Every structure is written in structure tokens, then in C-alpha cells.
PDB file of N, CA and C in Angstrom:
ATOM      1  N   MET A   1       0.847  -1.190   0.000  1.00  0.00           N
ATOM      2  CA  MET A   1       0.000   0.000   0.000  1.00  0.00           C
ATOM      3  C   MET A   1       0.884   1.241   0.000  1.00  0.00           C
ATOM      4  N   PRO A   2       0.658   2.146  -0.911  1.00  0.00           N
ATOM      5  CA  PRO A   2       1.544   3.302  -1.021  1.00  0.00           C
ATOM      6  C   PRO A   2       1.334   4.390   0.035  1.00  0.00           C
ATOM      7  N   ILE A   3       0.308   4.288   0.869  1.00  0.00           N
ATOM      8  CA  ILE A   3       0.139   5.259   1.954  1.00  0.00           C
ATOM      9  C   ILE A   3       0.832   4.715   3.200  1.00  0.00           C
ATOM     10  N   ILE A   4       1.782   5.460   3.705  1.00  0.00           N
ATOM     11  CA  ILE A   4       2.556   5.065   4.882  1.00  0.00           C
ATOM     12  C   ILE A   4       2.071   5.882   6.075  1.00  0.00           C
ATOM     13  N   VAL A   5       1.830   5.207   7.196  1.00  0.00           N
ATOM     14  CA  VAL A   5       1.389   5.863   8.431  1.00  0.00           C
ATOM     15  C   VAL A   5       2.601   5.977   9.354  1.00  0.00           C
ATOM     16  N   ASN A   6       2.981   7.195   9.676  1.00  0.00           N
ATOM     17  CA  ASN A   6       4.181   7.454  10.478  1.00  0.00           C
ATOM     18  C   ASN A   6       3.864   7.825  11.927  1.00  0.00           C
ATOM     19  N   VAL A   7       2.830   7.223  12.487  1.00  0.00           N
ATOM     20  CA  VAL A   7       2.483   7.521  13.880  1.00  0.00           C
ATOM     21  C   VAL A   7       3.631   7.135  14.797  1.00  0.00           C
ATOM     22  N   ASP A   8       4.261   6.000  14.545  1.00  0.00           N
ATOM     23  CA  ASP A   8       5.364   5.552  15.401  1.00  0.00           C
ATOM     24  C   ASP A   8       6.550   6.512  15.355  1.00  0.00           C
ATOM     25  N   VAL A   9       6.810   7.093  14.182  1.00  0.00           N
ATOM     26  CA  VAL A   9       7.900   8.065  14.045  1.00  0.00           C
ATOM     27  C   VAL A   9       7.604   9.310  14.876  1.00  0.00           C
ATOM     28  N   MET A  10       6.371   9.810  14.761  1.00  0.00           N
ATOM     29  CA  MET A  10       6.002  11.009  15.520  1.00  0.00           C
ATOM     30  C   MET A  10       5.977  10.729  17.018  1.00  0.00           C
ATOM     31  N   MET A  11       5.548   9.539  17.404  1.00  0.00           N
ATOM     32  CA  MET A  11       5.567   9.173  18.826  1.00  0.00           C
ATOM     33  C   MET A  11       6.996   9.176  19.351  1.00  0.00           C
ATOM     34  N   ALA A  12       7.919   8.640  18.582  1.00  0.00           N
ATOM     35  CA  ALA A  12       9.331   8.605  18.995  1.00  0.00           C
ATOM     36  C   ALA A  12       9.893  10.021  19.106  1.00  0.00           C
ATOM     37  N   LYS A  13       9.552  10.878  18.143  1.00  0.00           N
ATOM     38  CA  LYS A  13      10.034  12.268  18.186  1.00  0.00           C
ATOM     39  C   LYS A  13       9.511  13.003  19.413  1.00  0.00           C
ATOM     40  N   ARG A  14       8.293  12.679  19.821  1.00  0.00           N
ATOM     41  CA  ARG A  14       7.672  13.337  20.982  1.00  0.00           C
ATOM     42  C   ARG A  14       7.899  12.568  22.280  1.00  0.00           C
ATOM     43  N   LYS A  15       8.625  11.441  22.175  1.00  0.00           N
ATOM     44  CA  LYS A  15       8.904  10.588  23.344  1.00  0.00           C
ATOM     45  C   LYS A  15       7.615  10.233  24.081  1.00  0.00           C
ATOM     46  N   MET A  16       6.639   9.760  23.301  1.00  0.00           N
ATOM     47  CA  MET A  16       5.325   9.446  23.840  1.00  0.00           C
ATOM     48  C   MET A  16       5.065   7.945  23.697  1.00  0.00           C
ATOM     49  N   SER A  17       4.531   7.358  24.725  1.00  0.00           N
ATOM     50  CA  SER A  17       4.215   5.930  24.694  1.00  0.00           C
ATOM     51  C   SER A  17       2.872   5.697  24.018  1.00  0.00           C
ATOM     52  N   LEU A  18       2.643   4.457  23.621  1.00  0.00           N
ATOM     53  CA  LEU A  18       1.374   4.077  23.010  1.00  0.00           C
ATOM     54  C   LEU A  18       0.229   4.290  23.991  1.00  0.00           C
ATOM     55  N   ASN A  19       0.461   3.969  25.263  1.00  0.00           N
ATOM     56  CA  ASN A  19      -0.568   4.164  26.289  1.00  0.00           C
ATOM     57  C   ASN A  19      -0.930   5.634  26.440  1.00  0.00           C
ATOM     58  N   GLU A  20       0.074   6.487  26.477  1.00  0.00           N
ATOM     59  CA  GLU A  20      -0.170   7.924  26.641  1.00  0.00           C
ATOM     60  C   GLU A  20      -0.937   8.485  25.449  1.00  0.00           C
ATOM     61  N   LEU A  21      -0.522   8.100  24.241  1.00  0.00           N
ATOM     62  CA  LEU A  21      -1.211   8.587  23.045  1.00  0.00           C
ATOM     63  C   LEU A  21      -2.643   8.065  23.005  1.00  0.00           C
ATOM     64  N   SER A  22      -2.832   6.819  23.396  1.00  0.00           N
ATOM     65  CA  SER A  22      -4.165   6.219  23.430  1.00  0.00           C
ATOM     66  C   SER A  22      -5.100   7.018  24.327  1.00  0.00           C
ATOM     67  N   GLU A  23      -4.609   7.424  25.476  1.00  0.00           N
ATOM     68  CA  GLU A  23      -5.421   8.218  26.404  1.00  0.00           C
ATOM     69  C   GLU A  23      -5.707   9.605  25.838  1.00  0.00           C
ATOM     70  N   ARG A  24      -4.720  10.221  25.216  1.00  0.00           N
ATOM     71  CA  ARG A  24      -4.887  11.583  24.697  1.00  0.00           C
ATOM     72  C   ARG A  24      -5.862  11.662  23.531  1.00  0.00           C
ATOM     73  N   VAL A  25      -5.879  10.635  22.679  1.00  0.00           N
ATOM     74  CA  VAL A  25      -6.752  10.685  21.499  1.00  0.00           C
ATOM     75  C   VAL A  25      -8.020   9.865  21.684  1.00  0.00           C
ATOM     76  N   ASP A  26      -8.154   9.229  22.833  1.00  0.00           N
ATOM     77  CA  ASP A  26      -9.340   8.435  23.160  1.00  0.00           C
ATOM     78  C   ASP A  26      -9.579   7.312  22.147  1.00  0.00           C
ATOM     79  N   LEU A  27      -8.514   6.564  21.875  1.00  0.00           N
ATOM     80  CA  LEU A  27      -8.588   5.372  21.028  1.00  0.00           C
ATOM     81  C   LEU A  27      -8.122   4.179  21.843  1.00  0.00           C
ATOM     82  N   THR A  28      -8.679   3.014  21.549  1.00  0.00           N
ATOM     83  CA  THR A  28      -8.211   1.815  22.248  1.00  0.00           C
ATOM     84  C   THR A  28      -6.790   1.506  21.797  1.00  0.00           C
ATOM     85  N   LEU A  29      -6.073   0.795  22.642  1.00  0.00           N
ATOM     86  CA  LEU A  29      -4.710   0.410  22.284  1.00  0.00           C
ATOM     87  C   LEU A  29      -4.694  -0.444  21.017  1.00  0.00           C
ATOM     88  N   SER A  30      -5.672  -1.328  20.878  1.00  0.00           N
ATOM     89  CA  SER A  30      -5.689  -2.193  19.692  1.00  0.00           C
ATOM     90  C   SER A  30      -5.926  -1.383  18.417  1.00  0.00           C
ATOM     91  N   ASN A  31      -6.844  -0.422  18.444  1.00  0.00           N
ATOM     92  CA  ASN A  31      -7.087   0.407  17.256  1.00  0.00           C
ATOM     93  C   ASN A  31      -5.886   1.282  16.935  1.00  0.00           C
ATOM     94  N   LEU A  32      -5.249   1.818  17.946  1.00  0.00           N
ATOM     95  CA  LEU A  32      -4.067   2.646  17.727  1.00  0.00           C
ATOM     96  C   LEU A  32      -2.918   1.789  17.192  1.00  0.00           C
ATOM     97  N   SER A  33      -2.801   0.579  17.684  1.00  0.00           N
ATOM     98  CA  SER A  33      -1.769  -0.333  17.214  1.00  0.00           C
ATOM     99  C   SER A  33      -1.975  -0.700  15.745  1.00  0.00           C
ATOM    100  N   ILE A  34      -3.222  -0.929  15.336  1.00  0.00           N
ATOM    101  CA  ILE A  34      -3.535  -1.222  13.938  1.00  0.00           C
ATOM    102  C   ILE A  34      -3.134  -0.044  13.056  1.00  0.00           C
ATOM    103  N   LEU A  35      -3.418   1.147  13.513  1.00  0.00           N
ATOM    104  CA  LEU A  35      -3.048   2.351  12.765  1.00  0.00           C
ATOM    105  C   LEU A  35      -1.529   2.493  12.708  1.00  0.00           C
ATOM    106  N   LYS A  36      -0.885   2.286  13.832  1.00  0.00           N
ATOM    107  CA  LYS A  36       0.563   2.451  13.940  1.00  0.00           C
ATOM    108  C   LYS A  36       1.322   1.482  13.048  1.00  0.00           C
ATOM    109  N   THR A  37       0.832   0.272  12.930  1.00  0.00           N
ATOM    110  CA  THR A  37       1.525  -0.737  12.129  1.00  0.00           C
ATOM    111  C   THR A  37       1.186  -0.659  10.647  1.00  0.00           C
ATOM    112  N   GLY A  38       0.298   0.257  10.275  1.00  0.00           N
ATOM    113  CA  GLY A  38      -0.044   0.435   8.875  1.00  0.00           C
ATOM    114  C   GLY A  38      -1.065  -0.562   8.358  1.00  0.00           C
ATOM    115  N   LYS A  39      -1.738  -1.260   9.245  1.00  0.00           N
ATOM    116  CA  LYS A  39      -2.732  -2.252   8.834  1.00  0.00           C
ATOM    117  C   LYS A  39      -4.133  -1.661   8.682  1.00  0.00           C
ATOM    118  N   ALA A  40      -4.289  -0.407   9.037  1.00  0.00           N
ATOM    119  CA  ALA A  40      -5.603   0.250   8.929  1.00  0.00           C
ATOM    120  C   ALA A  40      -5.948   0.489   7.461  1.00  0.00           C
ATOM    121  N   LYS A  41      -7.213   0.344   7.140  1.00  0.00           N
ATOM    122  CA  LYS A  41      -7.682   0.586   5.773  1.00  0.00           C
ATOM    123  C   LYS A  41      -8.239   1.995   5.602  1.00  0.00           C
ATOM    124  N   ALA A  42      -8.530   2.674   6.717  1.00  0.00           N
ATOM    125  CA  ALA A  42      -9.099   4.024   6.660  1.00  0.00           C
ATOM    126  C   ALA A  42      -8.810   4.724   7.973  1.00  0.00           C
ATOM    127  N   ILE A  43      -8.939   6.050   7.943  1.00  0.00           N
ATOM    128  CA  ILE A  43      -8.808   6.847   9.167  1.00  0.00           C
ATOM    129  C   ILE A  43      -9.820   7.987   9.087  1.00  0.00           C
ATOM    130  N   ARG A  44     -10.497   8.220  10.166  1.00  0.00           N
ATOM    131  CA  ARG A  44     -11.462   9.332  10.207  1.00  0.00           C
ATOM    132  C   ARG A  44     -10.703  10.640  10.379  1.00  0.00           C
ATOM    133  N   PHE A  45     -11.265  11.688   9.804  1.00  0.00           N
ATOM    134  CA  PHE A  45     -10.651  13.009   9.970  1.00  0.00           C
ATOM    135  C   PHE A  45     -10.609  13.406  11.440  1.00  0.00           C
ATOM    136  N   SER A  46     -11.612  13.030  12.203  1.00  0.00           N
ATOM    137  CA  SER A  46     -11.621  13.369  13.628  1.00  0.00           C
ATOM    138  C   SER A  46     -10.468  12.670  14.363  1.00  0.00           C
ATOM    139  N   THR A  47     -10.152  11.445  13.956  1.00  0.00           N
ATOM    140  CA  THR A  47      -9.021  10.724  14.552  1.00  0.00           C
ATOM    141  C   THR A  47      -7.710  11.365  14.137  1.00  0.00           C
ATOM    142  N   LEU A  48      -7.599  11.717  12.863  1.00  0.00           N
ATOM    143  CA  LEU A  48      -6.395  12.385  12.368  1.00  0.00           C
ATOM    144  C   LEU A  48      -6.192  13.713  13.088  1.00  0.00           C
ATOM    145  N   GLU A  49      -7.277  14.447  13.280  1.00  0.00           N
ATOM    146  CA  GLU A  49      -7.203  15.727  14.002  1.00  0.00           C
ATOM    147  C   GLU A  49      -6.726  15.514  15.435  1.00  0.00           C
ATOM    148  N   ALA A  50      -7.274  14.503  16.113  1.00  0.00           N
ATOM    149  CA  ALA A  50      -6.879  14.215  17.500  1.00  0.00           C
ATOM    150  C   ALA A  50      -5.409  13.806  17.574  1.00  0.00           C
ATOM    151  N   LEU A  51      -4.947  13.018  16.609  1.00  0.00           N
ATOM    152  CA  LEU A  51      -3.534  12.621  16.572  1.00  0.00           C
ATOM    153  C   LEU A  51      -2.639  13.837  16.368  1.00  0.00           C
ATOM    154  N   CYS A  52      -3.016  14.706  15.441  1.00  0.00           N
ATOM    155  CA  CYS A  52      -2.226  15.913  15.181  1.00  0.00           C
ATOM    156  C   CYS A  52      -2.172  16.812  16.414  1.00  0.00           C
ATOM    157  N   ARG A  53      -3.300  16.925  17.115  1.00  0.00           N
ATOM    158  CA  ARG A  53      -3.337  17.742  18.321  1.00  0.00           C
ATOM    159  C   ARG A  53      -2.436  17.140  19.397  1.00  0.00           C
ATOM    160  N   ALA A  54      -2.545  15.841  19.606  1.00  0.00           N
ATOM    161  CA  ALA A  54      -1.777  15.172  20.657  1.00  0.00           C
ATOM    162  C   ALA A  54      -0.280  15.148  20.354  1.00  0.00           C
ATOM    163  N   LEU A  55       0.057  15.003  19.085  1.00  0.00           N
ATOM    164  CA  LEU A  55       1.469  14.905  18.693  1.00  0.00           C
ATOM    165  C   LEU A  55       2.051  16.239  18.232  1.00  0.00           C
ATOM    166  N   ASP A  56       1.234  17.294  18.254  1.00  0.00           N
ATOM    167  CA  ASP A  56       1.652  18.628  17.836  1.00  0.00           C
ATOM    168  C   ASP A  56       2.329  18.580  16.463  1.00  0.00           C
ATOM    169  N   CYS A  57       1.562  18.104  15.473  1.00  0.00           N
ATOM    170  CA  CYS A  57       2.106  17.963  14.132  1.00  0.00           C
ATOM    171  C   CYS A  57       1.025  18.228  13.091  1.00  0.00           C
ATOM    172  N   GLN A  58       1.381  18.108  11.837  1.00  0.00           N
ATOM    173  CA  GLN A  58       0.475  18.293  10.717  1.00  0.00           C
ATOM    174  C   GLN A  58       0.097  16.918  10.152  1.00  0.00           C
ATOM    175  N   PRO A  59      -1.037  16.812   9.446  1.00  0.00           N
ATOM    176  CA  PRO A  59      -1.422  15.527   8.850  1.00  0.00           C
ATOM    177  C   PRO A  59      -0.329  14.930   7.950  1.00  0.00           C
ATOM    178  N   GLY A  60       0.400  15.780   7.256  1.00  0.00           N
ATOM    179  CA  GLY A  60       1.488  15.304   6.397  1.00  0.00           C
ATOM    180  C   GLY A  60       2.649  14.697   7.157  1.00  0.00           C
ATOM    181  N   ASP A  61       2.749  14.995   8.448  1.00  0.00           N
ATOM    182  CA  ASP A  61       3.778  14.367   9.281  1.00  0.00           C
ATOM    183  C   ASP A  61       3.394  12.929   9.612  1.00  0.00           C
ATOM    184  N   ILE A  62       2.106  12.636   9.597  1.00  0.00           N
ATOM    185  CA  ILE A  62       1.605  11.312   9.961  1.00  0.00           C
ATOM    186  C   ILE A  62       1.388  10.437   8.732  1.00  0.00           C
ATOM    187  N   LEU A  63       0.841  11.022   7.659  1.00  0.00           N
ATOM    188  CA  LEU A  63       0.542  10.263   6.451  1.00  0.00           C
ATOM    189  C   LEU A  63       1.508  10.645   5.342  1.00  0.00           C
ATOM    190  N   GLU A  64       1.987   9.626   4.638  1.00  0.00           N
ATOM    191  CA  GLU A  64       2.962   9.845   3.561  1.00  0.00           C
ATOM    192  C   GLU A  64       2.587   8.971   2.373  1.00  0.00           C
ATOM    193  N   TYR A  65       2.732   9.500   1.181  1.00  0.00           N
ATOM    194  CA  TYR A  65       2.473   8.728  -0.039  1.00  0.00           C
ATOM    195  C   TYR A  65       3.799   8.332  -0.670  1.00  0.00           C
ATOM    196  N   ARG A  66       3.940   7.046  -0.975  1.00  0.00           N
ATOM    197  CA  ARG A  66       5.112   6.550  -1.708  1.00  0.00           C
ATOM    198  C   ARG A  66       4.613   5.733  -2.888  1.00  0.00           C
ATOM    199  N   SER A  67       5.082   6.079  -4.073  1.00  0.00           N
ATOM    200  CA  SER A  67       4.672   5.293  -5.239  1.00  0.00           C
ATOM    201  C   SER A  67       5.346   3.933  -5.186  1.00  0.00           C
ATOM    202  N   GLU A  68       4.651   2.945  -5.722  1.00  0.00           N
ATOM    203  CA  GLU A  68       5.167   1.566  -5.654  1.00  0.00           C
ATOM    204  C   GLU A  68       6.189   1.294  -6.723  1.00  0.00           C
TER     205      GLU A  68
END
């Protein structure tokens, strides 16, 4: 899939744990883990907004397009 999810990169830059991010964005650990590992098929704008707020970043910092 050419869309890469860089949640783990942003978490590392912010020195934030999965548990802490889960609490801040109000997502279950399993759903956040699916997103983090790139196995998610979709993301809601409200979730993307919450991630950007919690990680103090832009949507482009989290989502990346790479041609195959």
C-alpha cells in the first residue's frame, strides 16, 4: 500500500508511549496499534485531528504517499 502511516515516528520524536497517546486521542490500544503498524484501511478526519493535536504535528507528518 503506497500510503505510509508514520504515527510511530512522531511518537518517537515526541517521546510518547502508546498508552499515553491512546489516552490523549481516546482510542483503544488495539485500534491505535492497527493504525501504527499500517494495517488500517481508513482513518477518520476526527481521529487524524486528535492525533495531530496530541502529537503537535500536521497531517502530512503522519501520512505519507510513496509510489510503488
